[in-house]
């Protein structure tokens, strides 16, 4: 017999049409946010990716 969590995952996978997604690799903004959600310090690669993203946003806002 499977656990309720396993049954829930199987149902979700059937509805979605495939297996669950794999998390984004380190060095991306998504991974930086995953570090934040886990309340842990982001790794250096994620910090660099987040800083670049913020620079792009700032430049975009200033160019308007």
PDB file of N, CA and C in Angstrom:
ATOM      1  N   UNK A   1       0.849  -1.187   0.000  1.00  0.00           N
ATOM      2  CA  UNK A   1       0.000   0.000   0.000  1.00  0.00           C
ATOM      3  C   UNK A   1       0.884   1.235   0.000  1.00  0.00           C
ATOM      4  N   UNK A   2       0.517   2.211  -0.750  1.00  0.00           N
ATOM      5  CA  UNK A   2       1.312   3.436  -0.821  1.00  0.00           C
ATOM      6  C   UNK A   2       0.806   4.451   0.202  1.00  0.00           C
ATOM      7  N   UNK A   3       1.672   5.390   0.511  1.00  0.00           N
ATOM      8  CA  UNK A   3       1.306   6.429   1.471  1.00  0.00           C
ATOM      9  C   UNK A   3       0.421   7.468   0.792  1.00  0.00           C
ATOM     10  N   UNK A   4      -0.275   8.283   1.564  1.00  0.00           N
ATOM     11  CA  UNK A   4      -1.090   9.339   0.962  1.00  0.00           C
ATOM     12  C   UNK A   4      -0.262  10.301   0.102  1.00  0.00           C
ATOM     13  N   UNK A   5       0.955  10.589   0.519  1.00  0.00           N
ATOM     14  CA  UNK A   5       1.805  11.493  -0.261  1.00  0.00           C
ATOM     15  C   UNK A   5       2.148  10.884  -1.620  1.00  0.00           C
ATOM     16  N   UNK A   6       2.439   9.589  -1.633  1.00  0.00           N
ATOM     17  CA  UNK A   6       2.748   8.918  -2.894  1.00  0.00           C
ATOM     18  C   UNK A   6       1.540   8.892  -3.816  1.00  0.00           C
ATOM     19  N   UNK A   7       0.372   8.623  -3.255  1.00  0.00           N
ATOM     20  CA  UNK A   7      -0.855   8.628  -4.066  1.00  0.00           C
ATOM     21  C   UNK A   7      -1.130  10.023  -4.614  1.00  0.00           C
ATOM     22  N   UNK A   8      -0.893  11.032  -3.813  1.00  0.00           N
ATOM     23  CA  UNK A   8      -1.097  12.410  -4.251  1.00  0.00           C
ATOM     24  C   UNK A   8      -0.148  12.768  -5.395  1.00  0.00           C
ATOM     25  N   UNK A   9       1.117  12.372  -5.254  1.00  0.00           N
ATOM     26  CA  UNK A   9       2.093  12.634  -6.318  1.00  0.00           C
ATOM     27  C   UNK A   9       1.711  11.917  -7.602  1.00  0.00           C
ATOM     28  N   UNK A  10       1.271  10.665  -7.485  1.00  0.00           N
ATOM     29  CA  UNK A  10       0.874   9.897  -8.668  1.00  0.00           C
ATOM     30  C   UNK A  10      -0.325  10.555  -9.353  1.00  0.00           C
ATOM     31  N   UNK A  11      -1.302  10.997  -8.569  1.00  0.00           N
ATOM     32  CA  UNK A  11      -2.464  11.680  -9.131  1.00  0.00           C
ATOM     33  C   UNK A  11      -2.047  12.960  -9.834  1.00  0.00           C
ATOM     34  N   UNK A  12      -1.186  13.753  -9.185  1.00  0.00           N
ATOM     35  CA  UNK A  12      -0.714  15.007  -9.771  1.00  0.00           C
ATOM     36  C   UNK A  12       0.026  14.743 -11.079  1.00  0.00           C
ATOM     37  N   UNK A  13       0.863  13.710 -11.098  1.00  0.00           N
ATOM     38  CA  UNK A  13       1.610  13.385 -12.308  1.00  0.00           C
ATOM     39  C   UNK A  13       0.679  12.977 -13.444  1.00  0.00           C
ATOM     40  N   UNK A  14      -0.362  12.203 -13.117  1.00  0.00           N
ATOM     41  CA  UNK A  14      -1.326  11.826 -14.152  1.00  0.00           C
ATOM     42  C   UNK A  14      -2.044  13.048 -14.699  1.00  0.00           C
ATOM     43  N   UNK A  15      -2.427  13.956 -13.833  1.00  0.00           N
ATOM     44  CA  UNK A  15      -3.131  15.163 -14.264  1.00  0.00           C
ATOM     45  C   UNK A  15      -2.231  16.062 -15.097  1.00  0.00           C
ATOM     46  N   UNK A  16      -0.990  16.154 -14.705  1.00  0.00           N
ATOM     47  CA  UNK A  16      -0.041  17.031 -15.377  1.00  0.00           C
ATOM     48  C   UNK A  16       0.443  16.428 -16.696  1.00  0.00           C
ATOM     49  N   UNK A  17       0.397  15.105 -16.796  1.00  0.00           N
ATOM     50  CA  UNK A  17       0.801  14.456 -18.030  1.00  0.00           C
ATOM     51  C   UNK A  17       2.252  14.031 -18.048  1.00  0.00           C
ATOM     52  N   UNK A  18       2.904  14.029 -16.904  1.00  0.00           N
ATOM     53  CA  UNK A  18       4.300  13.601 -16.874  1.00  0.00           C
ATOM     54  C   UNK A  18       4.857  13.658 -15.475  1.00  0.00           C
ATOM     55  N   UNK A  19       6.109  13.295 -15.334  1.00  0.00           N
ATOM     56  CA  UNK A  19       6.733  13.323 -14.007  1.00  0.00           C
ATOM     57  C   UNK A  19       6.982  14.757 -13.541  1.00  0.00           C
ATOM     58  N   UNK A  20       7.242  14.945 -12.262  1.00  0.00           N
ATOM     59  CA  UNK A  20       7.482  16.294 -11.758  1.00  0.00           C
ATOM     60  C   UNK A  20       8.730  16.906 -12.379  1.00  0.00           C
ATOM     61  N   UNK A  21       8.760  18.229 -12.404  1.00  0.00           N
ATOM     62  CA  UNK A  21       9.908  18.934 -12.977  1.00  0.00           C
ATOM     63  C   UNK A  21      11.111  18.830 -12.052  1.00  0.00           C
ATOM     64  N   UNK A  22      12.287  18.913 -12.639  1.00  0.00           N
ATOM     65  CA  UNK A  22      13.506  18.946 -11.828  1.00  0.00           C
ATOM     66  C   UNK A  22      13.831  20.407 -11.527  1.00  0.00           C
ATOM     67  N   UNK A  23      14.397  20.695 -10.369  1.00  0.00           N
ATOM     68  CA  UNK A  23      14.686  22.084 -10.016  1.00  0.00           C
ATOM     69  C   UNK A  23      15.768  22.690 -10.913  1.00  0.00           C
ATOM     70  N   UNK A  24      15.736  24.009 -11.050  1.00  0.00           N
ATOM     71  CA  UNK A  24      16.727  24.707 -11.861  1.00  0.00           C
ATOM     72  C   UNK A  24      18.113  24.537 -11.252  1.00  0.00           C
ATOM     73  N   UNK A  25      19.139  24.466 -12.091  1.00  0.00           N
ATOM     74  CA  UNK A  25      20.491  24.280 -11.554  1.00  0.00           C
ATOM     75  C   UNK A  25      20.988  25.528 -10.825  1.00  0.00           C
ATOM     76  N   UNK A  26      22.003  25.346 -10.011  1.00  0.00           N
ATOM     77  CA  UNK A  26      22.596  26.490  -9.320  1.00  0.00           C
ATOM     78  C   UNK A  26      23.175  27.453 -10.344  1.00  0.00           C
ATOM     79  N   UNK A  27      23.221  28.723  -9.972  1.00  0.00           N
ATOM     80  CA  UNK A  27      23.714  29.738 -10.893  1.00  0.00           C
ATOM     81  C   UNK A  27      22.589  30.378 -11.679  1.00  0.00           C
ATOM     82  N   UNK A  28      21.347  30.208 -11.198  1.00  0.00           N
ATOM     83  CA  UNK A  28      20.188  30.825 -11.840  1.00  0.00           C
ATOM     84  C   UNK A  28      19.405  31.609 -10.784  1.00  0.00           C
ATOM     85  N   UNK A  29      18.561  32.507 -11.263  1.00  0.00           N
ATOM     86  CA  UNK A  29      17.737  33.291 -10.347  1.00  0.00           C
ATOM     87  C   UNK A  29      16.761  32.380  -9.605  1.00  0.00           C
ATOM     88  N   UNK A  30      16.234  31.371 -10.288  1.00  0.00           N
ATOM     89  CA  UNK A  30      15.309  30.429  -9.643  1.00  0.00           C
ATOM     90  C   UNK A  30      15.994  29.697  -8.496  1.00  0.00           C
ATOM     91  N   UNK A  31      17.233  29.307  -8.691  1.00  0.00           N
ATOM     92  CA  UNK A  31      17.968  28.619  -7.625  1.00  0.00           C
ATOM     93  C   UNK A  31      18.255  29.579  -6.468  1.00  0.00           C
ATOM     94  N   UNK A  32      18.526  30.847  -6.784  1.00  0.00           N
ATOM     95  CA  UNK A  32      18.737  31.849  -5.736  1.00  0.00           C
ATOM     96  C   UNK A  32      17.483  31.956  -4.869  1.00  0.00           C
ATOM     97  N   UNK A  33      16.334  32.007  -5.516  1.00  0.00           N
ATOM     98  CA  UNK A  33      15.069  32.098  -4.771  1.00  0.00           C
ATOM     99  C   UNK A  33      14.782  30.822  -3.984  1.00  0.00           C
ATOM    100  N   UNK A  34      15.217  29.693  -4.515  1.00  0.00           N
ATOM    101  CA  UNK A  34      15.052  28.436  -3.786  1.00  0.00           C
ATOM    102  C   UNK A  34      15.885  28.456  -2.499  1.00  0.00           C
ATOM    103  N   UNK A  35      17.088  29.026  -2.573  1.00  0.00           N
ATOM    104  CA  UNK A  35      17.903  29.205  -1.370  1.00  0.00           C
ATOM    105  C   UNK A  35      17.151  30.078  -0.362  1.00  0.00           C
ATOM    106  N   UNK A  36      16.561  31.173  -0.840  1.00  0.00           N
ATOM    107  CA  UNK A  36      15.834  32.078   0.057  1.00  0.00           C
ATOM    108  C   UNK A  36      14.651  31.383   0.717  1.00  0.00           C
ATOM    109  N   UNK A  37      13.880  30.622  -0.062  1.00  0.00           N
ATOM    110  CA  UNK A  37      12.731  29.912   0.506  1.00  0.00           C
ATOM    111  C   UNK A  37      13.151  28.927   1.581  1.00  0.00           C
ATOM    112  N   UNK A  38      14.322  28.316   1.389  1.00  0.00           N
ATOM    113  CA  UNK A  38      14.834  27.354   2.362  1.00  0.00           C
ATOM    114  C   UNK A  38      15.517  28.050   3.535  1.00  0.00           C
ATOM    115  N   UNK A  39      15.550  29.371   3.506  1.00  0.00           N
ATOM    116  CA  UNK A  39      16.175  30.199   4.549  1.00  0.00           C
ATOM    117  C   UNK A  39      17.634  29.794   4.761  1.00  0.00           C
ATOM    118  N   UNK A  40      18.344  29.674   3.629  1.00  0.00           N
ATOM    119  CA  UNK A  40      19.764  29.364   3.692  1.00  0.00           C
ATOM    120  C   UNK A  40      20.533  30.389   2.868  1.00  0.00           C
ATOM    121  N   UNK A  41      21.801  30.511   3.132  1.00  0.00           N
ATOM    122  CA  UNK A  41      22.637  31.451   2.394  1.00  0.00           C
ATOM    123  C   UNK A  41      22.820  30.932   0.960  1.00  0.00           C
ATOM    124  N   UNK A  42      22.621  31.794  -0.045  1.00  0.00           N
ATOM    125  CA  UNK A  42      22.797  31.343  -1.427  1.00  0.00           C
ATOM    126  C   UNK A  42      24.265  31.066  -1.739  1.00  0.00           C
ATOM    127  N   UNK A  43      24.487  30.140  -2.635  1.00  0.00           N
ATOM    128  CA  UNK A  43      25.859  29.831  -3.051  1.00  0.00           C
ATOM    129  C   UNK A  43      26.377  30.971  -3.929  1.00  0.00           C
ATOM    130  N   UNK A  44      27.656  30.973  -4.177  1.00  0.00           N
ATOM    131  CA  UNK A  44      28.281  32.061  -4.932  1.00  0.00           C
ATOM    132  C   UNK A  44      27.719  32.158  -6.350  1.00  0.00           C
ATOM    133  N   UNK A  45      27.507  31.032  -7.007  1.00  0.00           N
ATOM    134  CA  UNK A  45      26.982  31.046  -8.374  1.00  0.00           C
ATOM    135  C   UNK A  45      25.585  31.673  -8.411  1.00  0.00           C
ATOM    136  N   UNK A  46      24.770  31.375  -7.423  1.00  0.00           N
ATOM    137  CA  UNK A  46      23.421  31.939  -7.371  1.00  0.00           C
ATOM    138  C   UNK A  46      23.460  33.426  -7.054  1.00  0.00           C
ATOM    139  N   UNK A  47      24.393  33.839  -6.199  1.00  0.00           N
ATOM    140  CA  UNK A  47      24.553  35.262  -5.894  1.00  0.00           C
ATOM    141  C   UNK A  47      24.911  36.042  -7.146  1.00  0.00           C
ATOM    142  N   UNK A  48      25.822  35.496  -7.940  1.00  0.00           N
ATOM    143  CA  UNK A  48      26.250  36.160  -9.180  1.00  0.00           C
ATOM    144  C   UNK A  48      25.074  36.278 -10.147  1.00  0.00           C
ATOM    145  N   UNK A  49      24.304  35.212 -10.288  1.00  0.00           N
ATOM    146  CA  UNK A  49      23.150  35.228 -11.192  1.00  0.00           C
ATOM    147  C   UNK A  49      22.121  36.259 -10.736  1.00  0.00           C
ATOM    148  N   UNK A  50      21.864  36.334  -9.434  1.00  0.00           N
ATOM    149  CA  UNK A  50      20.899  37.292  -8.908  1.00  0.00           C
ATOM    150  C   UNK A  50      21.393  38.726  -9.102  1.00  0.00           C
ATOM    151  N   UNK A  51      22.686  38.961  -8.870  1.00  0.00           N
ATOM    152  CA  UNK A  51      23.255  40.306  -9.048  1.00  0.00           C
ATOM    153  C   UNK A  51      23.141  40.748 -10.503  1.00  0.00           C
ATOM    154  N   UNK A  52      23.409  39.849 -11.430  1.00  0.00           N
ATOM    155  CA  UNK A  52      23.290  40.178 -12.858  1.00  0.00           C
ATOM    156  C   UNK A  52      21.840  40.500 -13.208  1.00  0.00           C
ATOM    157  N   UNK A  53      20.916  39.724 -12.687  1.00  0.00           N
ATOM    158  CA  UNK A  53      19.491  39.962 -12.924  1.00  0.00           C
ATOM    159  C   UNK A  53      19.079  41.337 -12.398  1.00  0.00           C
ATOM    160  N   UNK A  54      19.544  41.666 -11.195  1.00  0.00           N
ATOM    161  CA  UNK A  54      19.214  42.969 -10.621  1.00  0.00           C
ATOM    162  C   UNK A  54      19.812  44.108 -11.440  1.00  0.00           C
ATOM    163  N   UNK A  55      21.047  43.925 -11.942  1.00  0.00           N
ATOM    164  CA  UNK A  55      21.668  44.952 -12.796  1.00  0.00           C
ATOM    165  C   UNK A  55      20.858  45.167 -14.056  1.00  0.00           C
ATOM    166  N   UNK A  56      20.382  44.068 -14.659  1.00  0.00           N
ATOM    167  CA  UNK A  56      19.561  44.177 -15.868  1.00  0.00           C
ATOM    168  C   UNK A  56      18.262  44.916 -15.583  1.00  0.00           C
ATOM    169  N   UNK A  57      17.625  44.597 -14.461  1.00  0.00           N
ATOM    170  CA  UNK A  57      16.376  45.292 -14.102  1.00  0.00           C
ATOM    171  C   UNK A  57      16.620  46.782 -13.899  1.00  0.00           C
ATOM    172  N   UNK A  58      17.704  47.114 -13.215  1.00  0.00           N
ATOM    173  CA  UNK A  58      18.029  48.520 -12.943  1.00  0.00           C
ATOM    174  C   UNK A  58      18.276  49.257 -14.249  1.00  0.00           C
ATOM    175  N   UNK A  59      19.057  48.656 -15.144  1.00  0.00           N
ATOM    176  CA  UNK A  59      19.349  49.283 -16.426  1.00  0.00           C
ATOM    177  C   UNK A  59      18.069  49.466 -17.253  1.00  0.00           C
ATOM    178  N   UNK A  60      17.207  48.475 -17.202  1.00  0.00           N
ATOM    179  CA  UNK A  60      15.939  48.551 -17.932  1.00  0.00           C
ATOM    180  C   UNK A  60      15.070  49.699 -17.410  1.00  0.00           C
ATOM    181  N   UNK A  61      15.018  49.844 -16.082  1.00  0.00           N
ATOM    182  CA  UNK A  61      14.215  50.923 -15.495  1.00  0.00           C
ATOM    183  C   UNK A  61      14.815  52.290 -15.817  1.00  0.00           C
ATOM    184  N   UNK A  62      16.136  52.399 -15.805  1.00  0.00           N
ATOM    185  CA  UNK A  62      16.786  53.687 -16.055  1.00  0.00           C
ATOM    186  C   UNK A  62      16.706  54.101 -17.508  1.00  0.00           C
ATOM    187  N   UNK A  63      16.541  53.161 -18.426  1.00  0.00           N
ATOM    188  CA  UNK A  63      16.505  53.482 -19.853  1.00  0.00           C
ATOM    189  C   UNK A  63      15.140  53.987 -20.304  1.00  0.00           C
ATOM    190  N   UNK A  64      14.164  53.936 -19.462  1.00  0.00           N
ATOM    191  CA  UNK A  64      12.816  54.390 -19.853  1.00  0.00           C
ATOM    192  C   UNK A  64      12.744  55.874 -19.985  1.00  0.00           C
TER     193      UNK A  64
END
